Amino acid sequence: MDPAAIVKLMLIGGIVLNVVSIGMRARPQDALHLIRNPALGARAMLAMFVVVPAFVLLLTTLLDLPRPVAAVLLVLSVAPMPPLISNKEMKAGGEASYAIGLQVLATAFSLLAVPVMLTVAGLVFGRQFPFESTAMISVLAMTVAIPMALGMALGAMLPKLLPTIATWASRIGWISLGIAAIVLLAARWGDIAGHIGGGTVLVTVVIIAFALLVGQFLGGPDEGNRSALAITCAARHPGVAISVATGLFPSDSAEIFGMAGLFVLTSALMAIPYLKWRKTAIEG
């Protein structure tokens, strides 16, 4: 098998196993938590799919960014959270039901938000950005919907074995994901480094900082859930951004991969001090 195919398989397999593990620990009612609490759900969707995207659209309109870079940032602003962010949300103090409910609702909402954003961006930039939903739906189904549903089903069918299976699925998943991520980072570092300089890193930092503030402000009365929404607003699904942006600019795939990688790395690094601050604030 081609080494690139092996790495891709390890990456997808690692994500799937971890999401299955999360699904096994979740309850079916968790998936509907924000639908049953519409005020919380509305605040979260407002933060993720209105306020943050509006800010990103404003920045990309005012700044002279390369079109593929602008496309990645715009799609990231309306993408759902990455499938493994639920664990980080819960470590930030968010309730499990809130984290799972946010994953489900945001994934569904993004299917509407992405084509709307591309339509608005087309009007602003004076060109059409055609949207092909198949690639995006496939990414979300493979990395979120199917493994989450499988995990919930396994948890219901095998309750006595749940702790053991969930623990080993998570361990194997993280090992596979870690190896694949290191290989991908090494292979794509040149593409990522190509975006360092010229103000791209500063723009990325400003967007992520703004997203953290918005989530913190609109996350509701519970301090843990506020932290969870802030992390969610600042961490978006790179697979969605890459699949949509490469469909718009197929000849600029290296630039697109590099920009998505830069965003993921910057978001992960900025989350570290934020989570430390929130942990101190909540415990204090």
C-alpha atoms as a PDB file:
ATOM      1  CA  MET A   1       0.000   0.000   0.000  1.00  0.00           C
ATOM      2  CA  ASP A   2       1.159   3.539  -0.756  1.00  0.00           C
ATOM      3  CA  PRO A   3       2.715   5.181   2.367  1.00  0.00           C
ATOM      4  CA  ALA A   4       0.490   8.238   1.904  1.00  0.00           C
ATOM      5  CA  ALA A   5      -2.563   5.987   1.888  1.00  0.00           C
ATOM      6  CA  ILE A   6      -1.367   4.287   5.093  1.00  0.00           C
ATOM      7  CA  VAL A   7      -0.968   7.642   6.845  1.00  0.00           C
ATOM      8  CA  LYS A   8      -4.409   8.749   5.674  1.00  0.00           C
ATOM      9  CA  LEU A   9      -5.909   5.473   6.896  1.00  0.00           C
ATOM     10  CA  MET A  10      -4.199   5.886  10.289  1.00  0.00           C
ATOM     11  CA  LEU A  11      -5.473   9.460  10.552  1.00  0.00           C
ATOM     12  CA  ILE A  12      -9.066   8.561   9.734  1.00  0.00           C
ATOM     13  CA  GLY A  13      -8.906   5.417  11.858  1.00  0.00           C
ATOM     14  CA  GLY A  14      -7.594   7.381  14.829  1.00  0.00           C
ATOM     15  CA  ILE A  15     -10.378   9.938  14.543  1.00  0.00           C
ATOM     16  CA  VAL A  16     -13.049   7.251  14.129  1.00  0.00           C
ATOM     17  CA  LEU A  17     -11.876   5.246  17.150  1.00  0.00           C
ATOM     18  CA  ASN A  18     -11.795   8.336  19.355  1.00  0.00           C
ATOM     19  CA  VAL A  19     -15.245   9.495  18.270  1.00  0.00           C
ATOM     20  CA  VAL A  20     -16.597   5.957  18.825  1.00  0.00           C
ATOM     21  CA  SER A  21     -15.125   6.145  22.340  1.00  0.00           C
ATOM     22  CA  ILE A  22     -16.851   9.493  22.950  1.00  0.00           C
ATOM     23  CA  GLY A  23     -20.127   8.107  21.573  1.00  0.00           C
ATOM     24  CA  MET A  24     -19.964   5.056  23.849  1.00  0.00           C
ATOM     25  CA  ARG A  25     -19.775   7.302  26.917  1.00  0.00           C
ATOM     26  CA  ALA A  26     -22.575   9.556  25.687  1.00  0.00           C
ATOM     27  CA  ARG A  27     -26.280   9.073  26.297  1.00  0.00           C
ATOM     28  CA  PRO A  28     -28.775   9.338  23.424  1.00  0.00           C
ATOM     29  CA  GLN A  29     -30.415  12.332  25.120  1.00  0.00           C
ATOM     30  CA  ASP A  30     -27.055  14.166  25.104  1.00  0.00           C
ATOM     31  CA  ALA A  31     -27.282  14.532  21.328  1.00  0.00           C
ATOM     32  CA  LEU A  32     -30.497  16.532  21.726  1.00  0.00           C
ATOM     33  CA  HIS A  33     -29.377  18.572  24.734  1.00  0.00           C
ATOM     34  CA  LEU A  34     -29.165  21.935  22.943  1.00  0.00           C
ATOM     35  CA  ILE A  35     -32.344  21.294  20.988  1.00  0.00           C
ATOM     36  CA  ARG A  36     -34.146  20.705  24.285  1.00  0.00           C
ATOM     37  CA  ASN A  37     -32.507  23.862  25.651  1.00  0.00           C
ATOM     38  CA  PRO A  38     -33.120  26.257  22.745  1.00  0.00           C
ATOM     39  CA  ALA A  39     -31.770  29.346  24.523  1.00  0.00           C
ATOM     40  CA  LEU A  40     -28.358  27.683  24.978  1.00  0.00           C
ATOM     41  CA  GLY A  41     -28.451  26.278  21.460  1.00  0.00           C
ATOM     42  CA  ALA A  42     -29.342  29.653  19.930  1.00  0.00           C
ATOM     43  CA  ARG A  43     -26.502  31.405  21.759  1.00  0.00           C
ATOM     44  CA  ALA A  44     -24.015  28.775  20.622  1.00  0.00           C
ATOM     45  CA  MET A  45     -25.132  28.885  16.985  1.00  0.00           C
ATOM     46  CA  LEU A  46     -25.129  32.700  17.051  1.00  0.00           C
ATOM     47  CA  ALA A  47     -21.526  32.671  18.270  1.00  0.00           C
ATOM     48  CA  MET A  48     -20.295  29.974  15.880  1.00  0.00           C
ATOM     49  CA  PHE A  49     -22.192  30.737  12.699  1.00  0.00           C
ATOM     50  CA  VAL A  50     -23.044  34.452  12.815  1.00  0.00           C
ATOM     51  CA  VAL A  51     -20.684  36.539  14.944  1.00  0.00           C
ATOM     52  CA  VAL A  52     -17.388  34.772  14.160  1.00  0.00           C
ATOM     53  CA  PRO A  53     -18.115  34.369  10.416  1.00  0.00           C
ATOM     54  CA  ALA A  54     -19.149  38.048  10.156  1.00  0.00           C
ATOM     55  CA  PHE A  55     -15.838  39.086  11.717  1.00  0.00           C
ATOM     56  CA  VAL A  56     -13.839  36.804   9.406  1.00  0.00           C
ATOM     57  CA  LEU A  57     -15.750  38.081   6.371  1.00  0.00           C
ATOM     58  CA  LEU A  58     -14.977  41.660   7.422  1.00  0.00           C
ATOM     59  CA  LEU A  59     -11.263  40.899   7.793  1.00  0.00           C
ATOM     60  CA  THR A  60     -10.979  39.081   4.469  1.00  0.00           C
ATOM     61  CA  THR A  61     -12.819  41.941   2.777  1.00  0.00           C
ATOM     62  CA  LEU A  62     -10.560  44.640   4.225  1.00  0.00           C
ATOM     63  CA  LEU A  63      -7.249  42.783   3.865  1.00  0.00           C
ATOM     64  CA  ASP A  64      -5.545  41.836   0.638  1.00  0.00           C
ATOM     65  CA  LEU A  65      -5.288  38.117   1.298  1.00  0.00           C
ATOM     66  CA  PRO A  66      -4.692  35.529  -1.436  1.00  0.00           C
ATOM     67  CA  ARG A  67      -8.022  34.069  -2.540  1.00  0.00           C
ATOM     68  CA  PRO A  68      -7.214  30.471  -1.448  1.00  0.00           C
ATOM     69  CA  VAL A  69      -6.198  31.753   2.018  1.00  0.00           C
ATOM     70  CA  ALA A  70      -9.375  33.820   2.303  1.00  0.00           C
ATOM     71  CA  ALA A  71     -11.421  30.814   1.204  1.00  0.00           C
ATOM     72  CA  VAL A  72      -9.907  28.595   3.911  1.00  0.00           C
ATOM     73  CA  LEU A  73     -10.549  31.189   6.629  1.00  0.00           C
ATOM     74  CA  LEU A  74     -14.123  31.782   5.463  1.00  0.00           C
ATOM     75  CA  VAL A  75     -14.989  28.083   5.346  1.00  0.00           C
ATOM     76  CA  LEU A  76     -13.285  27.453   8.695  1.00  0.00           C
ATOM     77  CA  SER A  77     -15.455  30.180  10.242  1.00  0.00           C
ATOM     78  CA  VAL A  78     -18.625  28.262   9.342  1.00  0.00           C
ATOM     79  CA  ALA A  79     -17.288  24.719   9.769  1.00  0.00           C
ATOM     80  CA  PRO A  80     -18.320  22.649  12.805  1.00  0.00           C
ATOM     81  CA  MET A  81     -15.800  21.817  15.491  1.00  0.00           C
ATOM     82  CA  PRO A  82     -13.328  19.004  14.822  1.00  0.00           C
ATOM     83  CA  PRO A  83     -14.613  15.624  16.003  1.00  0.00           C
ATOM     84  CA  LEU A  84     -12.202  15.274  18.942  1.00  0.00           C
ATOM     85  CA  ILE A  85     -12.823  18.695  20.467  1.00  0.00           C
ATOM     86  CA  SER A  86     -15.545  17.271  22.757  1.00  0.00           C
ATOM     87  CA  ASN A  87     -12.841  15.849  25.034  1.00  0.00           C
ATOM     88  CA  LYS A  88     -11.179  19.250  25.316  1.00  0.00           C
ATOM     89  CA  GLU A  89     -14.541  20.913  25.981  1.00  0.00           C
ATOM     90  CA  MET A  90     -15.163  18.582  28.905  1.00  0.00           C
ATOM     91  CA  LYS A  91     -11.643  19.172  30.249  1.00  0.00           C
ATOM     92  CA  ALA A  92     -12.460  22.896  30.086  1.00  0.00           C
ATOM     93  CA  GLY A  93     -15.327  22.257  32.502  1.00  0.00           C
ATOM     94  CA  GLY A  94     -18.140  21.832  30.008  1.00  0.00           C
ATOM     95  CA  GLU A  95     -20.867  19.324  30.745  1.00  0.00           C
ATOM     96  CA  ALA A  96     -20.749  16.129  28.665  1.00  0.00           C
ATOM     97  CA  SER A  97     -24.316  16.709  27.476  1.00  0.00           C
ATOM     98  CA  TYR A  98     -23.417  20.243  26.365  1.00  0.00           C
ATOM     99  CA  ALA A  99     -20.301  19.072  24.494  1.00  0.00           C
ATOM    100  CA  ILE A 100     -22.090  16.236  22.679  1.00  0.00           C
ATOM    101  CA  GLY A 101     -25.140  18.363  21.940  1.00  0.00           C
ATOM    102  CA  LEU A 102     -22.922  21.108  20.548  1.00  0.00           C
ATOM    103  CA  GLN A 103     -21.150  18.623  18.266  1.00  0.00           C
ATOM    104  CA  VAL A 104     -24.434  17.316  16.872  1.00  0.00           C
ATOM    105  CA  LEU A 105     -26.166  20.683  16.417  1.00  0.00           C
ATOM    106  CA  ALA A 106     -23.119  22.452  14.960  1.00  0.00           C
ATOM    107  CA  THR A 107     -22.484  19.629  12.484  1.00  0.00           C
ATOM    108  CA  ALA A 108     -26.049  19.865  11.198  1.00  0.00           C
ATOM    109  CA  PHE A 109     -26.019  23.670  11.188  1.00  0.00           C
ATOM    110  CA  SER A 110     -22.784  23.852   9.165  1.00  0.00           C
ATOM    111  CA  LEU A 111     -24.462  22.132   6.218  1.00  0.00           C
ATOM    112  CA  LEU A 112     -26.551  25.294   5.856  1.00  0.00           C
ATOM    113  CA  ALA A 113     -23.925  27.804   7.001  1.00  0.00           C
ATOM    114  CA  VAL A 114     -21.196  26.851   4.497  1.00  0.00           C
ATOM    115  CA  PRO A 115     -23.208  27.461   1.281  1.00  0.00           C
ATOM    116  CA  VAL A 116     -24.654  30.669   2.780  1.00  0.00           C
ATOM    117  CA  MET A 117     -21.143  31.949   3.559  1.00  0.00           C
ATOM    118  CA  LEU A 118     -19.927  31.097   0.059  1.00  0.00           C
ATOM    119  CA  THR A 119     -22.894  32.952  -1.443  1.00  0.00           C
ATOM    120  CA  VAL A 120     -22.198  36.045   0.671  1.00  0.00           C
ATOM    121  CA  ALA A 121     -18.467  35.852  -0.089  1.00  0.00           C
ATOM    122  CA  GLY A 122     -19.269  35.613  -3.797  1.00  0.00           C
ATOM    123  CA  LEU A 123     -21.265  38.838  -3.602  1.00  0.00           C
ATOM    124  CA  VAL A 124     -18.497  40.602  -1.663  1.00  0.00           C
ATOM    125  CA  PHE A 125     -15.631  39.443  -3.862  1.00  0.00           C
ATOM    126  CA  GLY A 126     -17.534  39.722  -7.124  1.00  0.00           C
ATOM    127  CA  ARG A 127     -17.210  36.095  -8.232  1.00  0.00           C
ATOM    128  CA  GLN A 128     -19.148  32.893  -7.790  1.00  0.00           C
ATOM    129  CA  PHE A 129     -17.994  30.230  -5.355  1.00  0.00           C
ATOM    130  CA  PRO A 130     -19.882  27.096  -6.387  1.00  0.00           C
ATOM    131  CA  PHE A 131     -20.625  24.692  -3.552  1.00  0.00           C
ATOM    132  CA  GLU A 132     -20.517  20.944  -3.960  1.00  0.00           C
ATOM    133  CA  SER A 133     -22.025  19.372  -0.860  1.00  0.00           C
ATOM    134  CA  THR A 134     -20.941  15.778  -1.509  1.00  0.00           C
ATOM    135  CA  ALA A 135     -17.356  16.168  -0.318  1.00  0.00           C
ATOM    136  CA  MET A 136     -18.347  18.037   2.822  1.00  0.00           C
ATOM    137  CA  ILE A 137     -21.116  15.614   3.734  1.00  0.00           C
ATOM    138  CA  SER A 138     -18.733  12.689   3.236  1.00  0.00           C
ATOM    139  CA  VAL A 139     -16.144  14.246   5.590  1.00  0.00           C
ATOM    140  CA  LEU A 140     -18.723  14.945   8.295  1.00  0.00           C
ATOM    141  CA  ALA A 141     -20.353  11.531   7.945  1.00  0.00           C
ATOM    142  CA  MET A 142     -17.038   9.673   8.118  1.00  0.00           C
ATOM    143  CA  THR A 143     -15.497  11.647  10.987  1.00  0.00           C
ATOM    144  CA  VAL A 144     -18.529  12.637  13.100  1.00  0.00           C
ATOM    145  CA  ALA A 145     -21.979  11.198  12.373  1.00  0.00           C
ATOM    146  CA  ILE A 146     -21.249   7.512  11.680  1.00  0.00           C
ATOM    147  CA  PRO A 147     -18.643   6.882  14.434  1.00  0.00           C
ATOM    148  CA  MET A 148     -20.706   8.842  16.988  1.00  0.00           C
ATOM    149  CA  ALA A 149     -23.835   6.801  16.173  1.00  0.00           C
ATOM    150  CA  LEU A 150     -21.808   3.566  16.212  1.00  0.00           C
ATOM    151  CA  GLY A 151     -20.364   4.436  19.614  1.00  0.00           C
ATOM    152  CA  MET A 152     -23.808   5.148  21.073  1.00  0.00           C
ATOM    153  CA  ALA A 153     -25.127   1.878  19.668  1.00  0.00           C
ATOM    154  CA  LEU A 154     -22.210  -0.118  21.093  1.00  0.00           C
ATOM    155  CA  GLY A 155     -22.632   1.570  24.452  1.00  0.00           C
ATOM    156  CA  ALA A 156     -26.289   0.578  24.544  1.00  0.00           C
ATOM    157  CA  MET A 157     -25.670  -3.010  23.407  1.00  0.00           C
ATOM    158  CA  LEU A 158     -22.576  -3.740  25.514  1.00  0.00           C
ATOM    159  CA  PRO A 159     -22.972  -1.755  28.750  1.00  0.00           C
ATOM    160  CA  LYS A 160     -20.846  -4.159  30.822  1.00  0.00           C
ATOM    161  CA  LEU A 161     -17.940  -3.967  28.398  1.00  0.00           C
ATOM    162  CA  LEU A 162     -18.321  -0.229  27.790  1.00  0.00           C
ATOM    163  CA  PRO A 163     -15.447   1.033  30.028  1.00  0.00           C
ATOM    164  CA  THR A 164     -12.931  -1.458  28.611  1.00  0.00           C
ATOM    165  CA  ILE A 165     -13.867  -1.013  24.945  1.00  0.00           C
ATOM    166  CA  ALA A 166     -14.101   2.765  25.200  1.00  0.00           C
ATOM    167  CA  THR A 167     -10.729   3.034  26.945  1.00  0.00           C
ATOM    168  CA  TRP A 168      -8.908   0.848  24.438  1.00  0.00           C
ATOM    169  CA  ALA A 169     -10.612   2.496  21.463  1.00  0.00           C
ATOM    170  CA  SER A 170      -9.434   5.873  22.751  1.00  0.00           C
ATOM    171  CA  ARG A 171      -5.874   4.660  23.450  1.00  0.00           C
ATOM    172  CA  ILE A 172      -5.409   2.993  20.064  1.00  0.00           C
ATOM    173  CA  GLY A 173      -7.088   5.933  18.354  1.00  0.00           C
ATOM    174  CA  TRP A 174      -4.774   8.502  19.942  1.00  0.00           C
ATOM    175  CA  ILE A 175      -1.663   6.439  19.128  1.00  0.00           C
ATOM    176  CA  SER A 176      -2.729   6.089  15.496  1.00  0.00           C
ATOM    177  CA  LEU A 177      -3.742   9.737  15.295  1.00  0.00           C
ATOM    178  CA  GLY A 178      -0.522  10.934  16.903  1.00  0.00           C
ATOM    179  CA  ILE A 179       1.732   9.003  14.530  1.00  0.00           C
ATOM    180  CA  ALA A 180      -0.247  10.132  11.483  1.00  0.00           C
ATOM    181  CA  ALA A 181      -0.279  13.760  12.673  1.00  0.00           C
ATOM    182  CA  ILE A 182       3.497  13.816  13.159  1.00  0.00           C
ATOM    183  CA  VAL A 183       4.082  12.358   9.693  1.00  0.00           C
ATOM    184  CA  LEU A 184       1.624  14.783   8.091  1.00  0.00           C
ATOM    185  CA  LEU A 185       3.121  17.757   9.935  1.00  0.00           C
ATOM    186  CA  ALA A 186       6.603  16.821   8.738  1.00  0.00           C
ATOM    187  CA  ALA A 187       5.410  16.246   5.178  1.00  0.00           C
ATOM    188  CA  ARG A 188       3.380  19.487   5.020  1.00  0.00           C
ATOM    189  CA  TRP A 189       5.641  21.710   7.105  1.00  0.00           C
ATOM    190  CA  GLY A 190       6.921  23.487   3.996  1.00  0.00           C
ATOM    191  CA  ASP A 191       3.340  24.410   3.026  1.00  0.00           C
ATOM    192  CA  ILE A 192       2.595  25.628   6.567  1.00  0.00           C
ATOM    193  CA  ALA A 193       5.852  27.588   6.844  1.00  0.00           C
ATOM    194  CA  GLY A 194       5.049  29.302   3.552  1.00  0.00           C
ATOM    195  CA  HIS A 195       2.287  31.210   5.370  1.00  0.00           C
ATOM    196  CA  ILE A 196       4.576  32.483   8.127  1.00  0.00           C
ATOM    197  CA  GLY A 197       5.194  36.121   7.381  1.00  0.00           C
ATOM    198  CA  GLY A 198       3.225  38.660   5.431  1.00  0.00           C
ATOM    199  CA  GLY A 199       0.713  39.087   8.231  1.00  0.00           C
ATOM    200  CA  THR A 200      -1.057  35.734   7.801  1.00  0.00           C
ATOM    201  CA  VAL A 201      -0.092  34.488  11.265  1.00  0.00           C
ATOM    202  CA  LEU A 202      -1.266  37.765  12.825  1.00  0.00           C
ATOM    203  CA  VAL A 203      -4.627  37.513  11.048  1.00  0.00           C
ATOM    204  CA  THR A 204      -5.006  33.929  12.262  1.00  0.00           C
ATOM    205  CA  VAL A 205      -4.185  34.909  15.847  1.00  0.00           C
ATOM    206  CA  VAL A 206      -6.673  37.803  15.744  1.00  0.00           C
ATOM    207  CA  ILE A 207      -9.454  35.527  14.428  1.00  0.00           C
ATOM    208  CA  ILE A 208      -8.833  32.839  17.061  1.00  0.00           C
ATOM    209  CA  ALA A 209      -8.609  35.393  19.890  1.00  0.00           C
ATOM    210  CA  PHE A 210     -11.878  36.969  18.751  1.00  0.00           C
ATOM    211  CA  ALA A 211     -13.540  33.532  18.558  1.00  0.00           C
ATOM    212  CA  LEU A 212     -12.439  32.705  22.118  1.00  0.00           C
ATOM    213  CA  LEU A 213     -13.880  35.998  23.379  1.00  0.00           C
ATOM    214  CA  VAL A 214     -17.184  35.478  21.552  1.00  0.00           C
ATOM    215  CA  GLY A 215     -17.617  31.963  22.911  1.00  0.00           C
ATOM    216  CA  GLN A 216     -16.735  33.118  26.401  1.00  0.00           C
ATOM    217  CA  PHE A 217     -19.296  35.942  26.187  1.00  0.00           C
ATOM    218  CA  LEU A 218     -22.172  33.952  24.645  1.00  0.00           C
ATOM    219  CA  GLY A 219     -21.687  30.599  26.372  1.00  0.00           C
ATOM    220  CA  GLY A 220     -24.454  31.084  28.918  1.00  0.00           C
ATOM    221  CA  PRO A 221     -24.457  31.191  32.728  1.00  0.00           C
ATOM    222  CA  ASP A 222     -22.404  28.040  33.375  1.00  0.00           C
ATOM    223  CA  GLU A 223     -18.680  28.856  33.516  1.00  0.00           C
ATOM    224  CA  GLY A 224     -17.644  25.440  32.209  1.00  0.00           C
ATOM    225  CA  ASN A 225     -19.965  25.637  29.216  1.00  0.00           C
ATOM    226  CA  ARG A 226     -18.705  29.148  28.450  1.00  0.00           C
ATOM    227  CA  SER A 227     -15.175  27.757  28.265  1.00  0.00           C
ATOM    228  CA  ALA A 228     -16.395  24.869  26.101  1.00  0.00           C
ATOM    229  CA  LEU A 229     -18.093  27.190  23.607  1.00  0.00           C
ATOM    230  CA  ALA A 230     -15.021  29.431  23.452  1.00  0.00           C
ATOM    231  CA  ILE A 231     -12.802  26.458  22.570  1.00  0.00           C
ATOM    232  CA  THR A 232     -15.374  25.323  20.016  1.00  0.00           C
ATOM    233  CA  CYS A 233     -15.610  28.735  18.327  1.00  0.00           C
ATOM    234  CA  ALA A 234     -11.828  28.806  17.939  1.00  0.00           C
ATOM    235  CA  ALA A 235     -11.318  25.192  16.763  1.00  0.00           C
ATOM    236  CA  ARG A 236     -12.999  24.259  13.484  1.00  0.00           C
ATOM    237  CA  HIS A 237     -12.980  21.109  11.344  1.00  0.00           C
ATOM    238  CA  PRO A 238      -9.968  21.390   8.974  1.00  0.00           C
ATOM    239  CA  GLY A 239     -11.233  18.537   6.799  1.00  0.00           C
ATOM    240  CA  VAL A 240     -14.340  20.550   5.898  1.00  0.00           C
ATOM    241  CA  ALA A 241     -12.274  23.624   5.021  1.00  0.00           C
ATOM    242  CA  ILE A 242      -9.818  21.637   2.917  1.00  0.00           C
ATOM    243  CA  SER A 243     -12.506  19.714   1.027  1.00  0.00           C
ATOM    244  CA  VAL A 244     -14.508  22.864   0.187  1.00  0.00           C
ATOM    245  CA  ALA A 245     -11.533  25.158  -0.543  1.00  0.00           C
ATOM    246  CA  THR A 246      -9.752  22.665  -2.798  1.00  0.00           C
ATOM    247  CA  GLY A 247     -12.999  22.295  -4.725  1.00  0.00           C
ATOM    248  CA  LEU A 248     -12.963  26.064  -5.315  1.00  0.00           C
ATOM    249  CA  PHE A 249      -9.219  26.337  -6.039  1.00  0.00           C
ATOM    250  CA  PRO A 250      -8.010  22.887  -7.146  1.00  0.00           C
ATOM    251  CA  SER A 251      -4.658  24.187  -8.383  1.00  0.00           C
ATOM    252  CA  ASP A 252      -3.802  25.711  -4.977  1.00  0.00           C
ATOM    253  CA  SER A 253      -4.068  22.604  -2.804  1.00  0.00           C
ATOM    254  CA  ALA A 254      -0.616  23.073  -1.223  1.00  0.00           C
ATOM    255  CA  GLU A 255      -1.470  26.630  -0.145  1.00  0.00           C
ATOM    256  CA  ILE A 256      -4.838  25.463   1.181  1.00  0.00           C
ATOM    257  CA  PHE A 257      -3.366  22.560   3.178  1.00  0.00           C
ATOM    258  CA  GLY A 258      -0.728  24.898   4.584  1.00  0.00           C
ATOM    259  CA  MET A 259      -3.256  27.520   5.692  1.00  0.00           C
ATOM    260  CA  ALA A 260      -5.539  24.926   7.308  1.00  0.00           C
ATOM    261  CA  GLY A 261      -2.543  23.431   9.108  1.00  0.00           C
ATOM    262  CA  LEU A 262      -1.428  26.850  10.335  1.00  0.00           C
ATOM    263  CA  PHE A 263      -4.910  27.531  11.728  1.00  0.00           C
ATOM    264  CA  VAL A 264      -5.060  24.182  13.542  1.00  0.00           C
ATOM    265  CA  LEU A 265      -1.610  24.626  15.092  1.00  0.00           C
ATOM    266  CA  THR A 266      -2.288  28.228  16.133  1.00  0.00           C
ATOM    267  CA  SER A 267      -5.651  27.302  17.635  1.00  0.00           C
ATOM    268  CA  ALA A 268      -4.117  24.429  19.614  1.00  0.00           C
ATOM    269  CA  LEU A 269      -1.306  26.621  20.958  1.00  0.00           C
ATOM    270  CA  MET A 270      -3.623  29.491  21.916  1.00  0.00           C
ATOM    271  CA  ALA A 271      -5.977  27.078  23.677  1.00  0.00           C
ATOM    272  CA  ILE A 272      -3.272  26.099  26.196  1.00  0.00           C
ATOM    273  CA  PRO A 273      -3.046  29.418  28.089  1.00  0.00           C
ATOM    274  CA  TYR A 274      -6.777  29.971  27.720  1.00  0.00           C
ATOM    275  CA  LEU A 275      -7.598  26.617  29.348  1.00  0.00           C
ATOM    276  CA  LYS A 276      -5.118  27.256  32.164  1.00  0.00           C
ATOM    277  CA  TRP A 277      -6.729  30.631  32.831  1.00  0.00           C
ATOM    278  CA  ARG A 278     -10.246  29.170  32.773  1.00  0.00           C
ATOM    279  CA  LYS A 279      -9.288  26.298  35.069  1.00  0.00           C
ATOM    280  CA  THR A 280      -7.894  28.771  37.584  1.00  0.00           C
ATOM    281  CA  ALA A 281     -10.954  31.010  37.296  1.00  0.00           C
ATOM    282  CA  ILE A 282     -13.461  28.143  37.694  1.00  0.00           C
ATOM    283  CA  GLU A 283     -11.640  26.468  40.593  1.00  0.00           C
ATOM    284  CA  GLY A 284     -10.930  29.800  42.269  1.00  0.00           C
END
